[in-house]
N, C-alpha and C. Protein backbone atom coordinates (compact mmCIF):
# COMPACT_ATOMS: atom_id res chain seq x y z
N UNK A 1 -80.80 186.65 166.93
CA UNK A 1 -82.22 186.53 166.05
C UNK A 1 -82.18 185.11 166.43
N UNK A 2 -81.49 184.11 166.51
CA UNK A 2 -81.96 183.07 166.55
C UNK A 2 -82.96 182.71 167.67
N UNK A 3 -82.52 183.21 168.92
CA UNK A 3 -83.12 182.96 170.25
C UNK A 3 -84.61 183.87 170.01
N UNK A 4 -84.22 184.86 169.70
CA UNK A 4 -85.29 186.15 169.75
C UNK A 4 -86.62 186.08 168.79
N UNK A 5 -86.07 185.48 167.61
CA UNK A 5 -87.17 184.90 166.49
C UNK A 5 -87.68 183.46 166.60
N UNK A 6 -86.87 182.96 167.37
CA UNK A 6 -87.10 181.52 167.92
C UNK A 6 -87.35 180.44 166.78
N UNK A 7 -86.11 180.93 166.28
CA UNK A 7 -85.50 180.05 164.90
C UNK A 7 -85.37 178.69 164.93
N UNK A 8 -84.46 178.32 166.67
CA UNK A 8 -84.30 177.24 167.08
C UNK A 8 -85.06 177.03 168.29
N UNK A 9 -86.51 176.57 168.49
CA UNK A 9 -86.54 176.26 170.06
C UNK A 9 -85.67 175.74 170.67
N UNK A 10 -84.99 174.75 170.54
CA UNK A 10 -83.96 174.21 171.55
C UNK A 10 -82.65 175.15 171.89
N UNK A 11 -82.38 176.30 171.38
CA UNK A 11 -81.19 177.02 171.48
C UNK A 11 -81.56 177.95 173.09
N UNK A 12 -82.75 178.19 173.43
CA UNK A 12 -82.94 179.36 174.45
C UNK A 12 -82.84 178.65 175.63
N UNK A 13 -83.01 176.91 175.80
CA UNK A 13 -82.62 176.48 176.95
C UNK A 13 -81.24 176.51 177.42
N UNK A 14 -79.86 176.12 176.38
CA UNK A 14 -78.46 175.83 176.67
C UNK A 14 -78.26 177.55 177.11
N UNK A 15 -78.85 178.42 175.94
CA UNK A 15 -78.61 179.86 176.29
C UNK A 15 -78.69 180.30 178.03
N UNK A 16 -79.84 179.87 178.31
CA UNK A 16 -80.63 180.22 179.81
C UNK A 16 -79.34 179.28 180.81
N UNK A 17 -79.02 178.51 180.34
CA UNK A 17 -78.26 177.62 181.25
C UNK A 17 -77.08 178.05 181.26
N UNK A 18 -76.60 178.87 180.06
CA UNK A 18 -74.89 179.19 180.04
C UNK A 18 -74.38 177.72 179.83
N UNK A 19 -74.73 176.80 178.50
CA UNK A 19 -74.28 176.05 178.36
C UNK A 19 -73.62 176.09 177.00
N UNK A 20 -73.60 177.09 176.32
CA UNK A 20 -72.77 177.62 175.06
C UNK A 20 -71.56 178.03 175.20
N UNK A 21 -70.43 177.18 174.54
CA UNK A 21 -69.34 177.66 174.51
C UNK A 21 -68.82 178.35 172.92
N UNK A 22 -68.53 179.86 173.40
CA UNK A 22 -68.44 180.64 172.37
C UNK A 22 -66.52 180.54 171.80
N UNK A 23 -66.45 180.05 170.62
CA UNK A 23 -64.81 179.94 170.53
C UNK A 23 -64.15 180.85 169.48
N UNK A 24 -63.80 181.94 169.38
CA UNK A 24 -63.31 182.42 168.37
C UNK A 24 -62.13 182.09 167.78
N UNK A 25 -62.16 181.80 166.54
CA UNK A 25 -61.10 181.32 165.87
C UNK A 25 -60.08 182.36 165.42
N UNK A 26 -58.66 182.26 165.36
CA UNK A 26 -57.74 183.24 164.83
C UNK A 26 -57.20 182.71 163.51
N UNK A 27 -57.85 181.75 162.80
CA UNK A 27 -57.76 180.94 161.54
C UNK A 27 -57.95 182.23 160.61
N UNK A 28 -57.25 182.03 159.43
CA UNK A 28 -57.32 182.75 158.05
C UNK A 28 -57.46 181.88 156.87
N UNK A 29 -57.15 180.29 157.24
CA UNK A 29 -57.73 179.44 155.99
C UNK A 29 -57.79 178.57 156.83
N UNK A 30 -58.52 177.29 155.52
CA UNK A 30 -59.01 176.08 155.74
C UNK A 30 -58.32 175.22 156.81
N UNK A 31 -56.56 174.97 156.50
CA UNK A 31 -56.12 174.31 157.46
C UNK A 31 -55.92 174.75 159.18
N UNK A 32 -56.22 175.57 159.10
CA UNK A 32 -56.23 176.37 160.43
C UNK A 32 -57.28 176.12 161.23
N UNK A 33 -58.47 176.30 160.54
CA UNK A 33 -59.55 176.13 160.78
C UNK A 33 -60.17 174.46 160.97
N UNK A 34 -59.37 173.66 160.15
CA UNK A 34 -59.30 172.19 160.79
C UNK A 34 -58.68 172.31 161.81
N UNK A 35 -57.45 172.85 162.30
CA UNK A 35 -56.86 172.64 163.64
C UNK A 35 -57.85 173.15 164.86
N UNK A 36 -58.42 173.87 164.69
CA UNK A 36 -59.04 174.70 165.72
C UNK A 36 -60.80 173.72 165.94
N UNK A 37 -61.22 173.44 164.68
CA UNK A 37 -62.12 172.43 164.65
C UNK A 37 -61.97 171.01 165.88
N UNK A 38 -60.88 170.62 164.95
CA UNK A 38 -60.57 169.26 165.87
C UNK A 38 -60.46 169.66 167.39
N UNK A 39 -59.65 170.41 167.83
CA UNK A 39 -59.69 171.11 169.15
C UNK A 39 -61.08 170.91 169.81
N UNK A 40 -61.69 171.84 169.05
CA UNK A 40 -63.21 172.22 169.83
C UNK A 40 -64.04 170.99 169.78
N UNK A 41 -63.88 170.28 168.81
CA UNK A 41 -64.45 168.73 168.86
C UNK A 41 -64.28 167.67 169.96
N UNK A 42 -62.76 167.63 170.27
CA UNK A 42 -62.64 166.97 171.09
C UNK A 42 -62.78 167.63 172.64
N UNK A 43 -62.79 168.74 172.72
CA UNK A 43 -62.98 169.64 173.88
C UNK A 43 -64.42 168.96 174.33
N UNK A 44 -65.47 169.48 173.28
CA UNK A 44 -66.76 169.09 173.59
C UNK A 44 -67.22 167.60 173.67
N UNK A 45 -66.50 166.76 173.14
CA UNK A 45 -66.68 165.45 173.07
C UNK A 45 -66.49 164.66 175.11
N UNK A 46 -65.29 165.44 175.46
CA UNK A 46 -64.94 165.18 176.47
C UNK A 46 -65.63 165.90 177.76
N UNK A 47 -66.11 167.25 177.74
CA UNK A 47 -66.90 168.00 178.48
C UNK A 47 -68.16 167.66 178.86
N UNK A 48 -68.47 167.77 180.14
CA UNK A 48 -69.52 167.55 180.46
C UNK A 48 -70.71 168.30 180.05
N UNK A 49 -71.69 167.51 179.62
CA UNK A 49 -72.59 168.18 178.77
C UNK A 49 -73.43 169.39 179.80
N UNK A 50 -73.38 168.77 180.96
CA UNK A 50 -74.31 170.21 181.91
C UNK A 50 -73.60 171.43 181.80
N UNK A 51 -71.76 171.41 181.59
CA UNK A 51 -71.21 172.66 181.36
C UNK A 51 -71.44 173.00 180.35
N UNK A 52 -71.00 172.44 179.14
CA UNK A 52 -70.65 172.89 177.80
C UNK A 52 -71.89 171.62 176.99
N UNK A 53 -72.80 172.23 176.68
CA UNK A 53 -73.66 171.38 175.43
C UNK A 53 -73.56 171.54 174.29
N UNK A 54 -72.98 172.96 173.78
CA UNK A 54 -73.07 172.98 172.48
C UNK A 54 -71.52 174.05 172.43
N UNK A 55 -71.32 174.17 171.18
CA UNK A 55 -70.05 175.34 170.76
C UNK A 55 -70.41 175.96 169.45
N UNK A 56 -70.11 176.92 169.61
CA UNK A 56 -70.32 178.27 168.18
C UNK A 56 -68.57 178.36 168.03
N UNK A 57 -68.04 177.60 166.81
CA UNK A 57 -66.71 177.95 166.44
C UNK A 57 -67.08 179.10 165.59
N UNK A 58 -66.22 180.46 166.00
CA UNK A 58 -66.62 181.72 164.96
C UNK A 58 -65.54 181.95 164.39
N UNK A 59 -65.61 182.14 163.10
CA UNK A 59 -64.38 182.56 162.43
C UNK A 59 -64.36 183.49 161.39
N UNK A 60 -63.83 184.72 162.37
CA UNK A 60 -64.30 186.18 161.69
C UNK A 60 -63.15 186.16 160.36
N UNK A 61 -62.25 185.70 160.62
CA UNK A 61 -61.06 186.26 159.73
C UNK A 61 -60.71 184.87 158.50
N UNK A 62 -61.86 183.67 158.43
CA UNK A 62 -61.57 182.69 157.38
C UNK A 62 -62.78 182.48 156.91
N UNK A 63 -62.89 182.17 155.37
CA UNK A 63 -64.25 181.70 154.77
C UNK A 63 -65.09 182.74 154.26
N UNK A 64 -64.39 183.90 154.19
CA UNK A 64 -65.30 185.09 153.21
C UNK A 64 -66.46 184.39 151.93
N UNK A 65 -65.85 183.54 151.62
CA UNK A 65 -66.75 182.69 150.46
C UNK A 65 -67.43 181.49 150.78
N UNK A 66 -68.61 181.86 150.67
CA UNK A 66 -69.88 181.16 150.92
C UNK A 66 -69.32 179.78 149.92
N UNK A 67 -68.91 179.60 149.17
CA UNK A 67 -68.65 178.52 148.40
C UNK A 67 -67.67 177.85 148.93
N UNK A 68 -66.44 178.29 149.32
CA UNK A 68 -65.65 177.56 149.69
C UNK A 68 -65.75 177.27 151.24
N UNK A 69 -66.89 177.97 151.91
CA UNK A 69 -67.15 177.43 153.50
C UNK A 69 -68.25 175.96 153.23
N UNK A 70 -68.90 176.28 152.01
CA UNK A 70 -69.97 175.30 151.85
C UNK A 70 -68.98 173.94 151.39
N UNK A 71 -67.84 173.94 150.66
CA UNK A 71 -67.06 172.77 150.44
C UNK A 71 -66.41 172.36 151.86
N UNK A 72 -65.93 173.16 152.65
CA UNK A 72 -65.46 172.91 153.79
C UNK A 72 -66.23 171.45 154.71
N UNK A 73 -67.38 171.57 154.12
CA UNK A 73 -68.40 170.70 154.98
C UNK A 73 -68.08 169.28 154.91
N UNK A 74 -67.17 168.98 153.72
CA UNK A 74 -66.99 167.55 153.49
C UNK A 74 -65.69 167.29 154.32
N UNK A 75 -64.87 168.27 154.48
CA UNK A 75 -63.81 168.07 155.57
C UNK A 75 -64.08 167.51 157.01
N UNK A 76 -65.39 168.75 157.38
CA UNK A 76 -65.78 168.54 158.59
C UNK A 76 -66.20 167.16 158.91
N UNK A 77 -67.06 166.58 157.48
CA UNK A 77 -67.70 164.84 157.98
C UNK A 77 -66.52 164.22 158.02
N UNK A 78 -65.49 164.21 157.18
CA UNK A 78 -64.28 163.46 157.24
C UNK A 78 -63.62 163.45 158.56
N UNK A 79 -63.55 164.67 159.13
CA UNK A 79 -62.92 164.98 160.53
C UNK A 79 -63.61 163.97 161.57
N UNK A 80 -65.14 164.29 161.44
CA UNK A 80 -65.87 163.55 162.65
C UNK A 80 -65.75 162.08 162.68
N UNK A 81 -65.45 161.64 161.18
CA UNK A 81 -65.37 160.29 160.94
C UNK A 81 -64.08 159.84 161.41
N UNK A 82 -63.10 160.89 161.12
CA UNK A 82 -61.62 160.11 161.98
C UNK A 82 -61.41 160.04 163.32
N UNK A 83 -62.21 161.28 163.68
CA UNK A 83 -61.91 161.43 165.26
C UNK A 83 -62.81 160.31 166.30
N UNK A 84 -63.84 159.63 165.42
CA UNK A 84 -64.78 158.56 165.62
C UNK A 84 -66.12 159.28 166.49
N UNK A 85 -66.70 160.49 165.69
CA UNK A 85 -67.47 161.38 166.97
C UNK A 85 -68.82 161.21 165.81
N UNK A 86 -68.93 160.55 165.10
CA UNK A 86 -70.19 160.02 163.96
C UNK A 86 -71.22 159.56 165.18
N UNK A 87 -72.74 160.40 165.08
CA UNK A 87 -73.28 159.55 165.91
C UNK A 87 -73.23 160.41 167.23
N UNK A 88 -72.20 160.98 167.86
CA UNK A 88 -71.89 161.51 169.24
C UNK A 88 -71.99 163.18 168.95
N UNK A 89 -71.62 163.63 167.95
CA UNK A 89 -71.49 165.44 167.41
C UNK A 89 -71.82 165.60 166.08
N UNK A 90 -72.51 166.25 165.89
CA UNK A 90 -72.42 166.75 164.29
C UNK A 90 -72.01 168.45 164.07
N UNK A 91 -71.87 168.92 163.16
CA UNK A 91 -71.66 170.20 162.81
C UNK A 91 -72.78 170.87 161.79
N UNK A 92 -73.22 172.03 162.57
CA UNK A 92 -74.00 172.98 161.38
C UNK A 92 -73.49 174.42 160.93
N UNK A 93 -73.75 174.64 159.76
CA UNK A 93 -72.93 175.77 159.44
C UNK A 93 -73.88 176.86 159.30
N UNK A 94 -73.52 178.42 159.32
CA UNK A 94 -73.80 179.40 159.26
C UNK A 94 -72.68 180.28 158.64
N UNK A 95 -73.42 181.12 157.70
CA UNK A 95 -72.31 182.15 157.02
C UNK A 95 -73.28 183.38 156.82
N UNK A 96 -72.36 184.92 156.18
CA UNK A 96 -73.27 185.79 155.72
C UNK A 96 -73.80 185.53 154.84
N UNK A 97 -73.32 184.99 153.51
CA UNK A 97 -73.76 184.97 152.29
C UNK A 97 -74.62 183.38 152.42
N UNK A 98 -74.97 182.70 153.62
CA UNK A 98 -75.46 181.47 153.30
C UNK A 98 -76.70 181.47 152.44
N UNK A 99 -76.56 180.41 151.30
CA UNK A 99 -77.62 180.14 150.29
C UNK A 99 -78.13 178.50 150.44
N UNK A 100 -79.42 178.42 150.77
CA UNK A 100 -79.57 176.86 150.31
C UNK A 100 -80.12 176.60 148.55
N UNK A 101 -79.65 175.20 148.31
CA UNK A 101 -79.62 174.72 146.98
C UNK A 101 -81.21 174.95 146.63
N UNK A 102 -81.14 175.40 145.23
CA UNK A 102 -82.41 175.97 144.43
C UNK A 102 -82.93 177.01 144.96
N UNK A 103 -82.18 178.09 145.51
CA UNK A 103 -82.39 179.40 146.13
C UNK A 103 -82.13 180.40 145.18
N UNK A 104 -82.37 181.67 145.26
CA UNK A 104 -81.80 182.85 144.90
C UNK A 104 -80.83 183.14 146.05
N UNK A 105 -80.04 184.07 145.61
CA UNK A 105 -79.22 184.72 146.89
C UNK A 105 -79.68 185.43 148.01
N UNK A 106 -81.00 186.42 147.36
CA UNK A 106 -81.62 187.39 148.03
C UNK A 106 -82.90 186.72 148.54
N UNK A 107 -83.38 185.24 148.63
CA UNK A 107 -84.25 184.72 149.15
C UNK A 107 -84.26 184.90 150.41
N UNK A 108 -85.26 185.21 151.18
CA UNK A 108 -85.37 185.44 152.60
C UNK A 108 -85.40 184.05 153.56
N UNK A 109 -85.55 182.83 152.63
CA UNK A 109 -85.40 181.86 153.88
C UNK A 109 -83.97 181.50 153.86
N UNK A 110 -82.84 181.96 152.77
CA UNK A 110 -81.50 181.94 153.27
C UNK A 110 -81.23 182.57 154.61
N UNK A 111 -81.66 183.50 155.23
CA UNK A 111 -81.43 184.26 156.33
C UNK A 111 -81.58 183.31 157.53
N UNK A 112 -82.47 182.37 157.35
CA UNK A 112 -82.48 181.48 158.64
C UNK A 112 -80.74 180.78 158.97
N UNK A 113 -80.02 180.80 158.05
CA UNK A 113 -78.84 180.60 158.16
C UNK A 113 -77.63 181.57 157.79
N UNK A 114 -77.93 182.59 158.22
CA UNK A 114 -76.96 183.56 157.83
C UNK A 114 -76.80 183.94 159.48
N UNK A 115 -75.42 184.57 159.12
CA UNK A 115 -74.98 184.62 160.71
C UNK A 115 -73.61 186.20 160.44
N UNK A 116 -73.45 187.07 161.27
CA UNK A 116 -72.29 187.78 161.00
C UNK A 116 -71.12 187.78 160.57
N UNK A 117 -70.34 186.21 161.01
CA UNK A 117 -69.52 185.76 160.62
C UNK A 117 -69.44 184.10 160.19
N UNK A 118 -68.58 183.69 159.21
CA UNK A 118 -68.94 182.00 159.21
C UNK A 118 -68.98 181.63 160.63
N UNK A 119 -69.60 180.39 161.05
CA UNK A 119 -69.93 180.05 162.30
C UNK A 119 -69.98 178.37 162.04
N UNK A 120 -69.10 178.03 162.48
CA UNK A 120 -69.30 176.01 162.80
C UNK A 120 -70.05 175.82 164.13
N UNK A 121 -71.62 175.63 164.27
CA UNK A 121 -72.22 175.13 165.39
C UNK A 121 -71.86 173.48 165.47
N UNK A 122 -71.04 173.33 166.59
CA UNK A 122 -71.22 171.97 167.03
C UNK A 122 -72.06 171.68 168.23
N UNK A 123 -72.57 170.42 167.73
CA UNK A 123 -73.89 169.83 168.50
C UNK A 123 -73.67 168.36 169.14
N UNK A 124 -74.23 168.30 169.97
CA UNK A 124 -74.38 166.66 170.64
C UNK A 124 -75.71 165.98 169.73
N UNK A 125 -75.49 165.09 169.49
CA UNK A 125 -77.06 164.53 168.88
C UNK A 125 -77.71 164.25 170.07
N UNK A 126 -77.05 163.71 171.01
CA UNK A 126 -77.69 162.94 172.12
C UNK A 126 -78.83 164.23 172.65
N UNK A 127 -78.30 165.62 172.72
CA UNK A 127 -78.84 166.61 172.72
C UNK A 127 -80.01 167.14 171.95
N UNK A 128 -79.82 166.89 170.47
CA UNK A 128 -80.53 167.05 169.19
C UNK A 128 -81.92 166.12 169.72
N UNK A 129 -81.71 164.63 169.82
CA UNK A 129 -82.42 163.68 169.85
C UNK A 129 -83.31 164.15 171.27
N UNK A 130 -82.95 164.61 172.39
CA UNK A 130 -83.92 165.12 173.38
C UNK A 130 -84.77 166.24 173.21
N UNK A 131 -84.14 167.23 172.59
CA UNK A 131 -84.88 168.30 171.94
C UNK A 131 -86.03 168.14 170.80
N UNK A 132 -85.64 166.93 169.94
CA UNK A 132 -86.69 166.45 169.15
C UNK A 132 -88.26 165.72 169.58
N UNK A 133 -87.39 164.68 170.74
CA UNK A 133 -88.56 164.37 171.56
C UNK A 133 -89.45 165.03 172.17
N UNK A 134 -88.92 166.20 172.98
CA UNK A 134 -89.41 167.18 173.72
C UNK A 134 -90.49 168.28 172.98
N UNK A 135 -90.06 168.15 171.56
CA UNK A 135 -90.60 169.00 170.58
C UNK A 135 -91.53 168.48 169.10
N UNK A 136 -92.74 167.89 169.65
CA UNK A 136 -93.42 167.06 168.55
C UNK A 136 -93.28 167.28 167.38
N UNK A 137 -93.37 168.56 166.97
CA UNK A 137 -93.32 168.97 165.42
C UNK A 137 -92.26 169.51 164.92
N UNK A 138 -91.06 168.93 165.41
CA UNK A 138 -89.65 169.35 165.10
C UNK A 138 -89.22 169.21 163.63
N UNK A 139 -90.34 168.74 162.77
CA UNK A 139 -90.07 168.41 161.43
C UNK A 139 -90.77 169.82 160.85
N UNK A 140 -91.36 170.47 161.36
CA UNK A 140 -92.34 171.83 160.93
C UNK A 140 -91.34 173.08 161.33
N UNK A 141 -90.45 172.38 161.91
CA UNK A 141 -89.42 174.01 162.21
C UNK A 141 -89.26 174.72 160.93
N UNK A 142 -88.52 174.02 159.87
CA UNK A 142 -88.08 174.87 158.89
C UNK A 142 -89.01 175.27 158.26
N UNK A 143 -90.17 175.13 158.30
CA UNK A 143 -91.51 175.50 157.55
C UNK A 143 -91.76 176.69 158.24
N UNK A 144 -91.88 176.86 159.71
CA UNK A 144 -92.46 177.55 160.63
C UNK A 144 -91.14 178.95 160.29
N UNK A 145 -89.95 178.74 160.50
CA UNK A 145 -88.90 179.45 160.11
C UNK A 145 -89.04 180.70 158.55
N UNK A 146 -89.47 179.72 157.70
CA UNK A 146 -89.74 180.33 156.53
C UNK A 146 -90.64 181.26 156.71
N UNK A 147 -91.84 180.71 157.34
CA UNK A 147 -92.78 181.94 157.28
C UNK A 147 -92.35 183.29 158.38
N UNK A 148 -91.83 182.91 159.27
CA UNK A 148 -91.14 183.61 160.03
C UNK A 148 -90.35 184.95 159.27
N UNK A 149 -89.50 184.12 158.69
CA UNK A 149 -88.28 185.36 157.67
C UNK A 149 -89.31 186.21 156.74
N UNK A 150 -90.42 185.60 156.06
CA UNK A 150 -91.10 186.01 155.29
C UNK A 150 -91.92 187.33 155.59
N UNK A 151 -92.61 187.27 156.92
CA UNK A 151 -93.02 188.23 157.73
C UNK A 151 -92.09 189.02 158.38
N UNK A 152 -90.83 188.84 158.42
CA UNK A 152 -89.94 189.74 158.95
C UNK A 152 -89.62 190.42 157.44
N UNK A 153 -89.50 190.08 156.60
CA UNK A 153 -88.72 190.65 155.63
C UNK A 153 -87.29 190.75 155.38
N UNK A 154 -86.54 191.07 154.01
CA UNK A 154 -85.57 191.56 154.06
C UNK A 154 -85.15 192.29 154.55
N UNK A 155 -86.12 193.70 154.65
CA UNK A 155 -85.49 195.15 155.02
C UNK A 155 -85.21 194.66 156.96
N UNK A 156 -86.45 193.84 157.32
CA UNK A 156 -86.66 193.88 158.77
C UNK A 156 -85.39 192.85 159.09
N UNK A 157 -84.64 191.69 158.17
CA UNK A 157 -83.58 191.01 158.54
C UNK A 157 -82.48 192.01 158.77
N UNK A 158 -82.25 192.92 158.04
CA UNK A 158 -81.22 194.07 157.78
C UNK A 158 -81.27 194.70 158.82
N UNK A 159 -81.93 195.18 159.16
CA UNK A 159 -82.42 195.70 160.76
C UNK A 159 -81.77 194.83 161.55
N UNK A 160 -82.30 193.80 161.85
CA UNK A 160 -81.68 192.80 162.99
C UNK A 160 -80.03 192.66 162.90
N UNK A 161 -79.61 192.63 161.46
CA UNK A 161 -78.02 192.13 161.28
C UNK A 161 -77.28 193.80 162.00
N UNK A 162 -77.79 194.69 161.60
CA UNK A 162 -77.18 195.96 162.30
C UNK A 162 -77.44 196.36 163.74
N UNK A 163 -78.45 195.53 164.22
CA UNK A 163 -78.53 195.61 165.73
C UNK A 163 -77.62 195.56 166.75
N UNK A 164 -77.30 196.48 167.65
CA UNK A 164 -75.78 195.79 168.76
C UNK A 164 -76.50 194.46 169.31
């Protein structure tokens, strides 16, 4: 959906170039996820960006509760600091029940960060900077995404999530 709906105009290039690493975690709790996250951050930091530009750490058996997952962001931030990766890598979050602050659970704009499973998206800041430089209206992406989601509607989103 992210690429098909162009919710992130930067995502298609790394997909086409096969530069996305998909890592599926076996972790069932925060401690296990933290271990896997540390491993994936280290791998991405050392990898050639031409080979692996970004990583999706997929968590099918952890963080069923969005609030627990949201709280884990603080742990993620501390890990980035401890590993001295602040300014080099960052982590974005996606979750089946993702909810922005000051929204209702069923507000369509929440769908821009919803996914079938909890996901930690590990990104290179250098890649983000390049993408923003190449996309002059980067600040407008969020607003455009909200418009896209409103046109799609809740039922359209549900159909997308059921599609193979």
